[in-house]
Amino acid sequence: MSTEPGTREQPLTVTSAARTVADQPRLFYLWRVNDISGVSGRGLVSWGVEWPNGRATTQWNGPRSGIWQTSEWDRTEDIIAVHGHDGATRLLYLPRPGVCEHCLTIAGSPPSLP
């Protein structure tokens, strides 16, 4: 039997759980005020998630461009550095919901889900 974490013989153990709203993913979108490139159009151009560790994921909203690319980013500031076009695109957060009650459990003691 292997003792290396993550192998089939020994599954990974979760050591922490989300305890507060700040420990949970945060939803955002990119709103393009001015389409400098003429590709994406104006308005909603991408959906995104900012993860608790600061990394982010975006998916382009491609009805106009035909592009539905999903990208990973080290931080949201990098998204704006690449796609912000000097203020032509804004990253706007959706209101945060309350704390995920199921996420507040101690690792190893999952809640009873409905």
PDB file of N, CA and C in Angstrom:
ATOM      1  N   MET A   1       0.840  -1.185   0.000  1.00  0.00           N
ATOM      2  CA  MET A   1       0.000   0.000   0.000  1.00  0.00           C
ATOM      3  C   MET A   1       0.881   1.243   0.000  1.00  0.00           C
ATOM      4  N   SER A   2       0.560   2.185  -0.860  1.00  0.00           N
ATOM      5  CA  SER A   2       1.323   3.419  -0.960  1.00  0.00           C
ATOM      6  C   SER A   2       0.944   4.356   0.181  1.00  0.00           C
ATOM      7  N   THR A   3       1.928   5.097   0.675  1.00  0.00           N
ATOM      8  CA  THR A   3       1.643   6.078   1.719  1.00  0.00           C
ATOM      9  C   THR A   3       1.604   7.496   1.164  1.00  0.00           C
ATOM     10  N   GLU A   4       1.748   7.632  -0.124  1.00  0.00           N
ATOM     11  CA  GLU A   4       1.729   8.952  -0.751  1.00  0.00           C
ATOM     12  C   GLU A   4       0.296   9.471  -0.837  1.00  0.00           C
ATOM     13  N   PRO A   5       0.042  10.687  -0.296  1.00  0.00           N
ATOM     14  CA  PRO A   5      -1.322  11.240  -0.351  1.00  0.00           C
ATOM     15  C   PRO A   5      -1.824  11.356  -1.785  1.00  0.00           C
ATOM     16  N   GLY A   6      -3.105  11.105  -1.965  1.00  0.00           N
ATOM     17  CA  GLY A   6      -3.714  11.267  -3.273  1.00  0.00           C
ATOM     18  C   GLY A   6      -3.672  10.033  -4.144  1.00  0.00           C
ATOM     19  N   THR A   7      -3.022   8.979  -3.691  1.00  0.00           N
ATOM     20  CA  THR A   7      -3.009   7.755  -4.482  1.00  0.00           C
ATOM     21  C   THR A   7      -4.301   7.004  -4.250  1.00  0.00           C
ATOM     22  N   ARG A   8      -4.565   6.008  -5.082  1.00  0.00           N
ATOM     23  CA  ARG A   8      -5.799   5.238  -4.937  1.00  0.00           C
ATOM     24  C   ARG A   8      -5.860   4.507  -3.611  1.00  0.00           C
ATOM     25  N   GLU A   9      -4.705   4.132  -3.090  1.00  0.00           N
ATOM     26  CA  GLU A   9      -4.682   3.392  -1.834  1.00  0.00           C
ATOM     27  C   GLU A   9      -4.967   4.273  -0.626  1.00  0.00           C
ATOM     28  N   GLN A  10      -4.631   5.570  -0.708  1.00  0.00           N
ATOM     29  CA  GLN A  10      -4.829   6.466   0.424  1.00  0.00           C
ATOM     30  C   GLN A  10      -5.404   7.781  -0.080  1.00  0.00           C
ATOM     31  N   PRO A  11      -6.719   8.010   0.088  1.00  0.00           N
ATOM     32  CA  PRO A  11      -7.329   9.236  -0.414  1.00  0.00           C
ATOM     33  C   PRO A  11      -6.839  10.459   0.351  1.00  0.00           C
ATOM     34  N   LEU A  12      -6.938  11.611  -0.295  1.00  0.00           N
ATOM     35  CA  LEU A  12      -6.584  12.869   0.357  1.00  0.00           C
ATOM     36  C   LEU A  12      -7.544  13.145   1.507  1.00  0.00           C
ATOM     37  N   THR A  13      -7.050  13.787   2.528  1.00  0.00           N
ATOM     38  CA  THR A  13      -7.865  14.155   3.670  1.00  0.00           C
ATOM     39  C   THR A  13      -8.093  15.660   3.645  1.00  0.00           C
ATOM     40  N   VAL A  14      -9.337  16.076   3.793  1.00  0.00           N
ATOM     41  CA  VAL A  14      -9.646  17.495   3.868  1.00  0.00           C
ATOM     42  C   VAL A  14      -9.279  17.970   5.260  1.00  0.00           C
ATOM     43  N   THR A  15      -8.470  19.050   5.334  1.00  0.00           N
ATOM     44  CA  THR A  15      -8.009  19.519   6.638  1.00  0.00           C
ATOM     45  C   THR A  15      -8.649  20.816   7.075  1.00  0.00           C
ATOM     46  N   SER A  16      -9.400  21.479   6.193  1.00  0.00           N
ATOM     47  CA  SER A  16     -10.052  22.715   6.610  1.00  0.00           C
ATOM     48  C   SER A  16     -11.372  22.858   5.873  1.00  0.00           C
ATOM     49  N   ALA A  17     -12.237  23.645   6.429  1.00  0.00           N
ATOM     50  CA  ALA A  17     -13.531  23.909   5.809  1.00  0.00           C
ATOM     51  C   ALA A  17     -13.770  25.411   5.825  1.00  0.00           C
ATOM     52  N   ALA A  18     -14.632  25.874   4.938  1.00  0.00           N
ATOM     53  CA  ALA A  18     -14.972  27.292   4.905  1.00  0.00           C
ATOM     54  C   ALA A  18     -15.679  27.658   6.204  1.00  0.00           C
ATOM     55  N   ARG A  19     -15.199  28.687   6.859  1.00  0.00           N
ATOM     56  CA  ARG A  19     -15.755  29.088   8.151  1.00  0.00           C
ATOM     57  C   ARG A  19     -16.528  30.400   8.071  1.00  0.00           C
ATOM     58  N   THR A  20     -16.218  31.242   7.103  1.00  0.00           N
ATOM     59  CA  THR A  20     -16.876  32.538   6.988  1.00  0.00           C
ATOM     60  C   THR A  20     -17.198  32.803   5.523  1.00  0.00           C
ATOM     61  N   VAL A  21     -17.916  33.882   5.271  1.00  0.00           N
ATOM     62  CA  VAL A  21     -18.213  34.274   3.900  1.00  0.00           C
ATOM     63  C   VAL A  21     -16.915  34.498   3.137  1.00  0.00           C
ATOM     64  N   ALA A  22     -15.909  35.072   3.786  1.00  0.00           N
ATOM     65  CA  ALA A  22     -14.623  35.355   3.126  1.00  0.00           C
ATOM     66  C   ALA A  22     -13.902  34.083   2.704  1.00  0.00           C
ATOM     67  N   ASP A  23     -14.246  32.941   3.291  1.00  0.00           N
ATOM     68  CA  ASP A  23     -13.607  31.670   2.951  1.00  0.00           C
ATOM     69  C   ASP A  23     -14.298  30.969   1.779  1.00  0.00           C
ATOM     70  N   GLN A  24     -15.303  31.606   1.186  1.00  0.00           N
ATOM     71  CA  GLN A  24     -16.067  30.965   0.124  1.00  0.00           C
ATOM     72  C   GLN A  24     -15.838  31.663  -1.216  1.00  0.00           C
ATOM     73  N   PRO A  25     -16.057  30.964  -2.321  1.00  0.00           N
ATOM     74  CA  PRO A  25     -15.895  31.583  -3.642  1.00  0.00           C
ATOM     75  C   PRO A  25     -16.788  32.809  -3.796  1.00  0.00           C
ATOM     76  N   ARG A  26     -16.311  33.729  -4.627  1.00  0.00           N
ATOM     77  CA  ARG A  26     -17.033  34.977  -4.867  1.00  0.00           C
ATOM     78  C   ARG A  26     -17.299  35.123  -6.354  1.00  0.00           C
ATOM     79  N   LEU A  27     -18.543  35.357  -6.737  1.00  0.00           N
ATOM     80  CA  LEU A  27     -18.920  35.466  -8.142  1.00  0.00           C
ATOM     81  C   LEU A  27     -18.751  36.895  -8.643  1.00  0.00           C
ATOM     82  N   PHE A  28     -18.317  37.019  -9.906  1.00  0.00           N
ATOM     83  CA  PHE A  28     -18.194  38.334 -10.514  1.00  0.00           C
ATOM     84  C   PHE A  28     -18.484  38.235 -12.006  1.00  0.00           C
ATOM     85  N   TYR A  29     -18.539  39.370 -12.660  1.00  0.00           N
ATOM     86  CA  TYR A  29     -18.682  39.410 -14.107  1.00  0.00           C
ATOM     87  C   TYR A  29     -17.861  40.563 -14.648  1.00  0.00           C
ATOM     88  N   LEU A  30     -17.508  40.472 -15.911  1.00  0.00           N
ATOM     89  CA  LEU A  30     -16.815  41.561 -16.591  1.00  0.00           C
ATOM     90  C   LEU A  30     -17.834  42.301 -17.441  1.00  0.00           C
ATOM     91  N   TRP A  31     -17.908  43.607 -17.246  1.00  0.00           N
ATOM     92  CA  TRP A  31     -18.836  44.459 -17.984  1.00  0.00           C
ATOM     93  C   TRP A  31     -18.011  45.377 -18.874  1.00  0.00           C
ATOM     94  N   ARG A  32     -18.195  45.238 -20.156  1.00  0.00           N
ATOM     95  CA  ARG A  32     -17.446  46.050 -21.112  1.00  0.00           C
ATOM     96  C   ARG A  32     -18.248  47.294 -21.453  1.00  0.00           C
ATOM     97  N   VAL A  33     -17.684  48.452 -21.116  1.00  0.00           N
ATOM     98  CA  VAL A  33     -18.305  49.744 -21.372  1.00  0.00           C
ATOM     99  C   VAL A  33     -18.036  50.169 -22.816  1.00  0.00           C
ATOM    100  N   ASN A  34     -16.834  49.877 -23.284  1.00  0.00           N
ATOM    101  CA  ASN A  34     -16.421  50.267 -24.632  1.00  0.00           C
ATOM    102  C   ASN A  34     -15.654  49.112 -25.257  1.00  0.00           C
ATOM    103  N   ASP A  35     -16.108  48.610 -26.394  1.00  0.00           N
ATOM    104  CA  ASP A  35     -15.456  47.477 -27.059  1.00  0.00           C
ATOM    105  C   ASP A  35     -14.362  47.987 -28.000  1.00  0.00           C
ATOM    106  N   ILE A  36     -13.167  48.128 -27.464  1.00  0.00           N
ATOM    107  CA  ILE A  36     -12.036  48.664 -28.221  1.00  0.00           C
ATOM    108  C   ILE A  36     -11.650  47.765 -29.394  1.00  0.00           C
ATOM    109  N   SER A  37     -11.688  46.440 -29.183  1.00  0.00           N
ATOM    110  CA  SER A  37     -11.251  45.496 -30.225  1.00  0.00           C
ATOM    111  C   SER A  37     -12.334  45.210 -31.261  1.00  0.00           C
ATOM    112  N   GLY A  38     -13.607  45.468 -30.915  1.00  0.00           N
ATOM    113  CA  GLY A  38     -14.696  45.164 -31.831  1.00  0.00           C
ATOM    114  C   GLY A  38     -15.058  43.692 -31.884  1.00  0.00           C
ATOM    115  N   VAL A  39     -14.600  42.903 -30.888  1.00  0.00           N
ATOM    116  CA  VAL A  39     -14.842  41.459 -30.896  1.00  0.00           C
ATOM    117  C   VAL A  39     -15.960  41.050 -29.943  1.00  0.00           C
ATOM    118  N   SER A  40     -15.887  41.475 -28.698  1.00  0.00           N
ATOM    119  CA  SER A  40     -16.797  40.977 -27.664  1.00  0.00           C
ATOM    120  C   SER A  40     -18.095  41.750 -27.553  1.00  0.00           C
ATOM    121  N   GLY A  41     -18.124  42.963 -28.046  1.00  0.00           N
ATOM    122  CA  GLY A  41     -19.301  43.792 -27.874  1.00  0.00           C
ATOM    123  C   GLY A  41     -19.283  44.492 -26.533  1.00  0.00           C
ATOM    124  N   ARG A  42     -20.359  45.197 -26.229  1.00  0.00           N
ATOM    125  CA  ARG A  42     -20.487  45.908 -24.968  1.00  0.00           C
ATOM    126  C   ARG A  42     -21.394  45.122 -24.040  1.00  0.00           C
ATOM    127  N   GLY A  43     -21.316  45.446 -22.758  1.00  0.00           N
ATOM    128  CA  GLY A  43     -22.150  44.773 -21.767  1.00  0.00           C
ATOM    129  C   GLY A  43     -21.428  43.592 -21.145  1.00  0.00           C
ATOM    130  N   LEU A  44     -22.188  42.575 -20.753  1.00  0.00           N
ATOM    131  CA  LEU A  44     -21.646  41.389 -20.096  1.00  0.00           C
ATOM    132  C   LEU A  44     -20.787  40.589 -21.075  1.00  0.00           C
ATOM    133  N   VAL A  45     -19.495  40.470 -20.793  1.00  0.00           N
ATOM    134  CA  VAL A  45     -18.611  39.725 -21.692  1.00  0.00           C
ATOM    135  C   VAL A  45     -18.027  38.471 -21.053  1.00  0.00           C
ATOM    136  N   SER A  46     -18.086  38.358 -19.712  1.00  0.00           N
ATOM    137  CA  SER A  46     -17.519  37.184 -19.055  1.00  0.00           C
ATOM    138  C   SER A  46     -18.102  37.016 -17.660  1.00  0.00           C
ATOM    139  N   TRP A  47     -18.252  35.745 -17.240  1.00  0.00           N
ATOM    140  CA  TRP A  47     -18.604  35.388 -15.871  1.00  0.00           C
ATOM    141  C   TRP A  47     -17.337  34.952 -15.172  1.00  0.00           C
ATOM    142  N   GLY A  48     -17.297  35.063 -13.849  1.00  0.00           N
ATOM    143  CA  GLY A  48     -16.097  34.632 -13.143  1.00  0.00           C
ATOM    144  C   GLY A  48     -16.351  34.201 -11.718  1.00  0.00           C
ATOM    145  N   VAL A  49     -15.340  33.507 -11.184  1.00  0.00           N
ATOM    146  CA  VAL A  49     -15.332  33.082  -9.792  1.00  0.00           C
ATOM    147  C   VAL A  49     -13.962  33.437  -9.218  1.00  0.00           C
ATOM    148  N   GLU A  50     -13.966  34.135  -8.095  1.00  0.00           N
ATOM    149  CA  GLU A  50     -12.730  34.366  -7.352  1.00  0.00           C
ATOM    150  C   GLU A  50     -12.713  33.349  -6.220  1.00  0.00           C
ATOM    151  N   TRP A  51     -11.696  32.496  -6.189  1.00  0.00           N
ATOM    152  CA  TRP A  51     -11.611  31.422  -5.207  1.00  0.00           C
ATOM    153  C   TRP A  51     -11.033  31.951  -3.899  1.00  0.00           C
ATOM    154  N   PRO A  52     -11.262  31.271  -2.777  1.00  0.00           N
ATOM    155  CA  PRO A  52     -10.778  31.748  -1.482  1.00  0.00           C
ATOM    156  C   PRO A  52      -9.263  31.977  -1.421  1.00  0.00           C
ATOM    157  N   ASN A  53      -8.504  31.278  -2.247  1.00  0.00           N
ATOM    158  CA  ASN A  53      -7.050  31.463  -2.238  1.00  0.00           C
ATOM    159  C   ASN A  53      -6.600  32.636  -3.107  1.00  0.00           C
ATOM    160  N   GLY A  54      -7.561  33.386  -3.687  1.00  0.00           N
ATOM    161  CA  GLY A  54      -7.231  34.547  -4.494  1.00  0.00           C
ATOM    162  C   GLY A  54      -7.167  34.284  -5.987  1.00  0.00           C
ATOM    163  N   ARG A  55      -7.082  33.022  -6.380  1.00  0.00           N
ATOM    164  CA  ARG A  55      -7.070  32.694  -7.813  1.00  0.00           C
ATOM    165  C   ARG A  55      -8.468  32.914  -8.384  1.00  0.00           C
ATOM    166  N   ALA A  56      -8.588  32.949  -9.696  1.00  0.00           N
ATOM    167  CA  ALA A  56      -9.887  33.219 -10.324  1.00  0.00           C
ATOM    168  C   ALA A  56     -10.056  32.402 -11.593  1.00  0.00           C
ATOM    169  N   THR A  57     -11.303  32.201 -11.964  1.00  0.00           N
ATOM    170  CA  THR A  57     -11.668  31.512 -13.197  1.00  0.00           C
ATOM    171  C   THR A  57     -12.639  32.413 -13.944  1.00  0.00           C
ATOM    172  N   THR A  58     -12.452  32.546 -15.250  1.00  0.00           N
ATOM    173  CA  THR A  58     -13.402  33.294 -16.074  1.00  0.00           C
ATOM    174  C   THR A  58     -13.900  32.409 -17.203  1.00  0.00           C
ATOM    175  N   GLN A  59     -15.123  32.666 -17.632  1.00  0.00           N
ATOM    176  CA  GLN A  59     -15.638  32.053 -18.851  1.00  0.00           C
ATOM    177  C   GLN A  59     -16.271  33.157 -19.679  1.00  0.00           C
ATOM    178  N   TRP A  60     -15.791  33.296 -20.899  1.00  0.00           N
ATOM    179  CA  TRP A  60     -16.274  34.337 -21.795  1.00  0.00           C
ATOM    180  C   TRP A  60     -17.687  34.025 -22.233  1.00  0.00           C
ATOM    181  N   ASN A  61     -18.495  35.038 -22.278  1.00  0.00           N
ATOM    182  CA  ASN A  61     -19.892  34.957 -22.672  1.00  0.00           C
ATOM    183  C   ASN A  61     -19.935  35.265 -24.164  1.00  0.00           C
ATOM    184  N   GLY A  62     -19.925  34.226 -25.001  1.00  0.00           N
ATOM    185  CA  GLY A  62     -19.663  34.406 -26.410  1.00  0.00           C
ATOM    186  C   GLY A  62     -20.762  34.463 -27.430  1.00  0.00           C
ATOM    187  N   PRO A  63     -21.972  34.922 -27.142  1.00  0.00           N
ATOM    188  CA  PRO A  63     -22.978  34.953 -28.196  1.00  0.00           C
ATOM    189  C   PRO A  63     -22.552  35.784 -29.418  1.00  0.00           C
ATOM    190  N   ARG A  64     -21.868  36.883 -29.173  1.00  0.00           N
ATOM    191  CA  ARG A  64     -21.456  37.733 -30.293  1.00  0.00           C
ATOM    192  C   ARG A  64     -20.167  37.222 -30.940  1.00  0.00           C
ATOM    193  N   SER A  65     -19.173  36.881 -30.116  1.00  0.00           N
ATOM    194  CA  SER A  65     -17.862  36.499 -30.629  1.00  0.00           C
ATOM    195  C   SER A  65     -17.769  35.021 -30.974  1.00  0.00           C
ATOM    196  N   GLY A  66     -18.642  34.189 -30.388  1.00  0.00           N
ATOM    197  CA  GLY A  66     -18.537  32.743 -30.565  1.00  0.00           C
ATOM    198  C   GLY A  66     -17.484  32.126 -29.654  1.00  0.00           C
ATOM    199  N   ILE A  67     -16.897  32.920 -28.783  1.00  0.00           N
ATOM    200  CA  ILE A  67     -15.843  32.444 -27.875  1.00  0.00           C
ATOM    201  C   ILE A  67     -16.449  32.159 -26.505  1.00  0.00           C
ATOM    202  N   TRP A  68     -16.293  30.927 -26.041  1.00  0.00           N
ATOM    203  CA  TRP A  68     -16.769  30.511 -24.722  1.00  0.00           C
ATOM    204  C   TRP A  68     -15.599  29.977 -23.906  1.00  0.00           C
ATOM    205  N   GLN A  69     -14.447  30.605 -24.030  1.00  0.00           N
ATOM    206  CA  GLN A  69     -13.218  30.131 -23.401  1.00  0.00           C
ATOM    207  C   GLN A  69     -13.275  30.251 -21.883  1.00  0.00           C
ATOM    208  N   THR A  70     -12.773  29.226 -21.202  1.00  0.00           N
ATOM    209  CA  THR A  70     -12.634  29.241 -19.747  1.00  0.00           C
ATOM    210  C   THR A  70     -11.155  29.383 -19.441  1.00  0.00           C
ATOM    211  N   SER A  71     -10.819  30.321 -18.556  1.00  0.00           N
ATOM    212  CA  SER A  71      -9.419  30.608 -18.234  1.00  0.00           C
ATOM    213  C   SER A  71      -9.206  30.646 -16.730  1.00  0.00           C
ATOM    214  N   GLU A  72      -8.006  30.278 -16.314  1.00  0.00           N
ATOM    215  CA  GLU A  72      -7.596  30.340 -14.912  1.00  0.00           C
ATOM    216  C   GLU A  72      -6.612  31.490 -14.745  1.00  0.00           C
ATOM    217  N   TRP A  73      -6.728  32.212 -13.646  1.00  0.00           N
ATOM    218  CA  TRP A  73      -5.901  33.376 -13.368  1.00  0.00           C
ATOM    219  C   TRP A  73      -5.327  33.287 -11.964  1.00  0.00           C
ATOM    220  N   ASP A  74      -4.129  33.847 -11.769  1.00  0.00           N
ATOM    221  CA  ASP A  74      -3.523  33.874 -10.437  1.00  0.00           C
ATOM    222  C   ASP A  74      -4.240  34.832  -9.507  1.00  0.00           C
ATOM    223  N   ARG A  75      -4.839  35.892 -10.059  1.00  0.00           N
ATOM    224  CA  ARG A  75      -5.575  36.870  -9.258  1.00  0.00           C
ATOM    225  C   ARG A  75      -6.443  37.720 -10.175  1.00  0.00           C
ATOM    226  N   THR A  76      -7.459  38.345  -9.621  1.00  0.00           N
ATOM    227  CA  THR A  76      -8.375  39.143 -10.441  1.00  0.00           C
ATOM    228  C   THR A  76      -7.681  40.355 -11.053  1.00  0.00           C
ATOM    229  N   GLU A  77      -6.670  40.883 -10.393  1.00  0.00           N
ATOM    230  CA  GLU A  77      -5.930  42.022 -10.954  1.00  0.00           C
ATOM    231  C   GLU A  77      -5.308  41.670 -12.303  1.00  0.00           C
ATOM    232  N   ASP A  78      -4.929  40.404 -12.484  1.00  0.00           N
ATOM    233  CA  ASP A  78      -4.361  39.972 -13.765  1.00  0.00           C
ATOM    234  C   ASP A  78      -5.409  40.008 -14.874  1.00  0.00           C
ATOM    235  N   ILE A  79      -6.649  39.692 -14.531  1.00  0.00           N
ATOM    236  CA  ILE A  79      -7.733  39.736 -15.518  1.00  0.00           C
ATOM    237  C   ILE A  79      -7.892  41.165 -16.040  1.00  0.00           C
ATOM    238  N   ILE A  80      -7.922  42.107 -15.115  1.00  0.00           N
ATOM    239  CA  ILE A  80      -8.077  43.506 -15.509  1.00  0.00           C
ATOM    240  C   ILE A  80      -6.841  44.004 -16.256  1.00  0.00           C
ATOM    241  N   ALA A  81      -5.657  43.546 -15.865  1.00  0.00           N
ATOM    242  CA  ALA A  81      -4.443  43.965 -16.572  1.00  0.00           C
ATOM    243  C   ALA A  81      -4.481  43.541 -18.042  1.00  0.00           C
ATOM    244  N   VAL A  82      -5.068  42.380 -18.313  1.00  0.00           N
ATOM    245  CA  VAL A  82      -5.128  41.867 -19.687  1.00  0.00           C
ATOM    246  C   VAL A  82      -6.359  42.376 -20.436  1.00  0.00           C
ATOM    247  N   HIS A  83      -7.509  42.376 -19.781  1.00  0.00           N
ATOM    248  CA  HIS A  83      -8.775  42.653 -20.472  1.00  0.00           C
ATOM    249  C   HIS A  83      -9.443  43.976 -20.088  1.00  0.00           C
ATOM    250  N   GLY A  84      -8.845  44.728 -19.175  1.00  0.00           N
ATOM    251  CA  GLY A  84      -9.464  45.965 -18.708  1.00  0.00           C
ATOM    252  C   GLY A  84      -9.456  47.098 -19.708  1.00  0.00           C
ATOM    253  N   HIS A  85      -8.490  47.090 -20.625  1.00  0.00           N
ATOM    254  CA  HIS A  85      -8.403  48.129 -21.663  1.00  0.00           C
ATOM    255  C   HIS A  85      -8.557  49.535 -21.084  1.00  0.00           C
ATOM    256  N   ASP A  86      -7.740  49.824 -20.058  1.00  0.00           N
ATOM    257  CA  ASP A  86      -7.709  51.166 -19.449  1.00  0.00           C
ATOM    258  C   ASP A  86      -9.091  51.656 -19.019  1.00  0.00           C
ATOM    259  N   GLY A  87      -9.863  50.801 -18.369  1.00  0.00           N
ATOM    260  CA  GLY A  87     -11.167  51.199 -17.848  1.00  0.00           C
ATOM    261  C   GLY A  87     -12.340  50.874 -18.747  1.00  0.00           C
ATOM    262  N   ALA A  88     -12.078  50.339 -19.942  1.00  0.00           N
ATOM    263  CA  ALA A  88     -13.170  49.997 -20.862  1.00  0.00           C
ATOM    264  C   ALA A  88     -13.939  48.766 -20.394  1.00  0.00           C
ATOM    265  N   THR A  89     -13.318  47.954 -19.523  1.00  0.00           N
ATOM    266  CA  THR A  89     -13.972  46.759 -18.977  1.00  0.00           C
ATOM    267  C   THR A  89     -13.852  46.819 -17.464  1.00  0.00           C
ATOM    268  N   ARG A  90     -14.940  46.545 -16.771  1.00  0.00           N
ATOM    269  CA  ARG A  90     -14.954  46.585 -15.308  1.00  0.00           C
ATOM    270  C   ARG A  90     -15.254  45.203 -14.751  1.00  0.00           C
ATOM    271  N   LEU A  91     -14.570  44.864 -13.664  1.00  0.00           N
ATOM    272  CA  LEU A  91     -14.839  43.633 -12.936  1.00  0.00           C
ATOM    273  C   LEU A  91     -15.780  44.008 -11.798  1.00  0.00           C
ATOM    274  N   LEU A  92     -16.988  43.438 -11.808  1.00  0.00           N
ATOM    275  CA  LEU A  92     -18.013  43.756 -10.815  1.00  0.00           C
ATOM    276  C   LEU A  92     -18.431  42.489 -10.069  1.00  0.00           C
ATOM    277  N   TYR A  93     -18.425  42.563  -8.752  1.00  0.00           N
ATOM    278  CA  TYR A  93     -18.807  41.414  -7.932  1.00  0.00           C
ATOM    279  C   TYR A  93     -20.310  41.365  -7.740  1.00  0.00           C
ATOM    280  N   LEU A  94     -20.862  40.151  -7.760  1.00  0.00           N
ATOM    281  CA  LEU A  94     -22.264  39.939  -7.399  1.00  0.00           C
ATOM    282  C   LEU A  94     -22.364  39.979  -5.880  1.00  0.00           C
ATOM    283  N   PRO A  95     -23.517  40.348  -5.332  1.00  0.00           N
ATOM    284  CA  PRO A  95     -23.661  40.346  -3.873  1.00  0.00           C
ATOM    285  C   PRO A  95     -23.399  38.948  -3.327  1.00  0.00           C
ATOM    286  N   ARG A  96     -22.713  38.897  -2.210  1.00  0.00           N
ATOM    287  CA  ARG A  96     -22.417  37.594  -1.599  1.00  0.00           C
ATOM    288  C   ARG A  96     -23.646  37.082  -0.866  1.00  0.00           C
ATOM    289  N   PRO A  97     -23.948  35.798  -1.054  1.00  0.00           N
ATOM    290  CA  PRO A  97     -25.026  35.199  -0.257  1.00  0.00           C
ATOM    291  C   PRO A  97     -24.521  34.977   1.163  1.00  0.00           C
ATOM    292  N   GLY A  98     -25.349  34.471   2.015  1.00  0.00           N
ATOM    293  CA  GLY A  98     -24.921  34.165   3.377  1.00  0.00           C
ATOM    294  C   GLY A  98     -23.908  33.036   3.397  1.00  0.00           C
ATOM    295  N   VAL A  99     -23.439  32.733   4.547  1.00  0.00           N
ATOM    296  CA  VAL A  99     -22.464  31.660   4.732  1.00  0.00           C
ATOM    297  C   VAL A  99     -23.089  30.326   4.354  1.00  0.00           C
ATOM    298  N   CYS A 100     -22.357  29.509   3.641  1.00  0.00           N
ATOM    299  CA  CYS A 100     -22.796  28.154   3.306  1.00  0.00           C
ATOM    300  C   CYS A 100     -22.781  27.318   4.576  1.00  0.00           C
ATOM    301  N   GLU A 101     -23.951  27.037   5.113  1.00  0.00           N
ATOM    302  CA  GLU A 101     -24.031  26.292   6.376  1.00  0.00           C
ATOM    303  C   GLU A 101     -23.374  24.919   6.285  1.00  0.00           C
ATOM    304  N   HIS A 102     -23.491  24.267   5.121  1.00  0.00           N
ATOM    305  CA  HIS A 102     -22.881  22.951   4.954  1.00  0.00           C
ATOM    306  C   HIS A 102     -21.366  23.047   4.930  1.00  0.00           C
ATOM    307  N   CYS A 103     -20.832  24.241   4.590  1.00  0.00           N
ATOM    308  CA  CYS A 103     -19.389  24.419   4.508  1.00  0.00           C
ATOM    309  C   CYS A 103     -18.771  24.688   5.872  1.00  0.00           C
ATOM    310  N   LEU A 104     -19.569  24.910   6.884  1.00  0.00           N
ATOM    311  CA  LEU A 104     -19.062  25.278   8.196  1.00  0.00           C
ATOM    312  C   LEU A 104     -18.750  24.082   9.084  1.00  0.00           C
ATOM    313  N   THR A 105     -18.962  22.890   8.592  1.00  0.00           N
ATOM    314  CA  THR A 105     -18.726  21.714   9.416  1.00  0.00           C
ATOM    315  C   THR A 105     -17.238  21.449   9.571  1.00  0.00           C
ATOM    316  N   ILE A 106     -16.902  20.776  10.611  1.00  0.00           N
ATOM    317  CA  ILE A 106     -15.509  20.399  10.843  1.00  0.00           C
ATOM    318  C   ILE A 106     -15.156  19.294   9.864  1.00  0.00           C
ATOM    319  N   ALA A 107     -13.953  19.386   9.288  1.00  0.00           N
ATOM    320  CA  ALA A 107     -13.504  18.376   8.333  1.00  0.00           C
ATOM    321  C   ALA A 107     -13.643  16.994   8.951  1.00  0.00           C
ATOM    322  N   GLY A 108     -14.143  16.083   8.149  1.00  0.00           N
ATOM    323  CA  GLY A 108     -14.328  14.710   8.606  1.00  0.00           C
ATOM    324  C   GLY A 108     -15.712  14.452   9.184  1.00  0.00           C
ATOM    325  N   SER A 109     -16.503  15.492   9.373  1.00  0.00           N
ATOM    326  CA  SER A 109     -17.850  15.350   9.904  1.00  0.00           C
ATOM    327  C   SER A 109     -18.842  16.019   8.956  1.00  0.00           C
ATOM    328  N   PRO A 110     -19.102  15.413   7.808  1.00  0.00           N
ATOM    329  CA  PRO A 110     -19.993  16.062   6.839  1.00  0.00           C
ATOM    330  C   PRO A 110     -21.406  16.167   7.388  1.00  0.00           C
ATOM    331  N   PRO A 111     -22.109  17.233   6.988  1.00  0.00           N
ATOM    332  CA  PRO A 111     -23.488  17.411   7.458  1.00  0.00           C
ATOM    333  C   PRO A 111     -24.446  16.461   6.768  1.00  0.00           C
ATOM    334  N   SER A 112     -25.625  16.345   7.307  1.00  0.00           N
ATOM    335  CA  SER A 112     -26.685  15.602   6.636  1.00  0.00           C
ATOM    336  C   SER A 112     -27.282  16.520   5.592  1.00  0.00           C
ATOM    337  N   LEU A 113     -27.163  16.140   4.349  1.00  0.00           N
ATOM    338  CA  LEU A 113     -27.713  16.969   3.273  1.00  0.00           C
ATOM    339  C   LEU A 113     -29.147  16.584   3.000  1.00  0.00           C
ATOM    340  N   PRO A 114     -29.968  17.586   2.653  1.00  0.00           N
ATOM    341  CA  PRO A 114     -31.383  17.282   2.377  1.00  0.00           C
ATOM    342  C   PRO A 114     -31.528  16.395   1.163  1.00  0.00           C
TER     343      PRO A 114
END
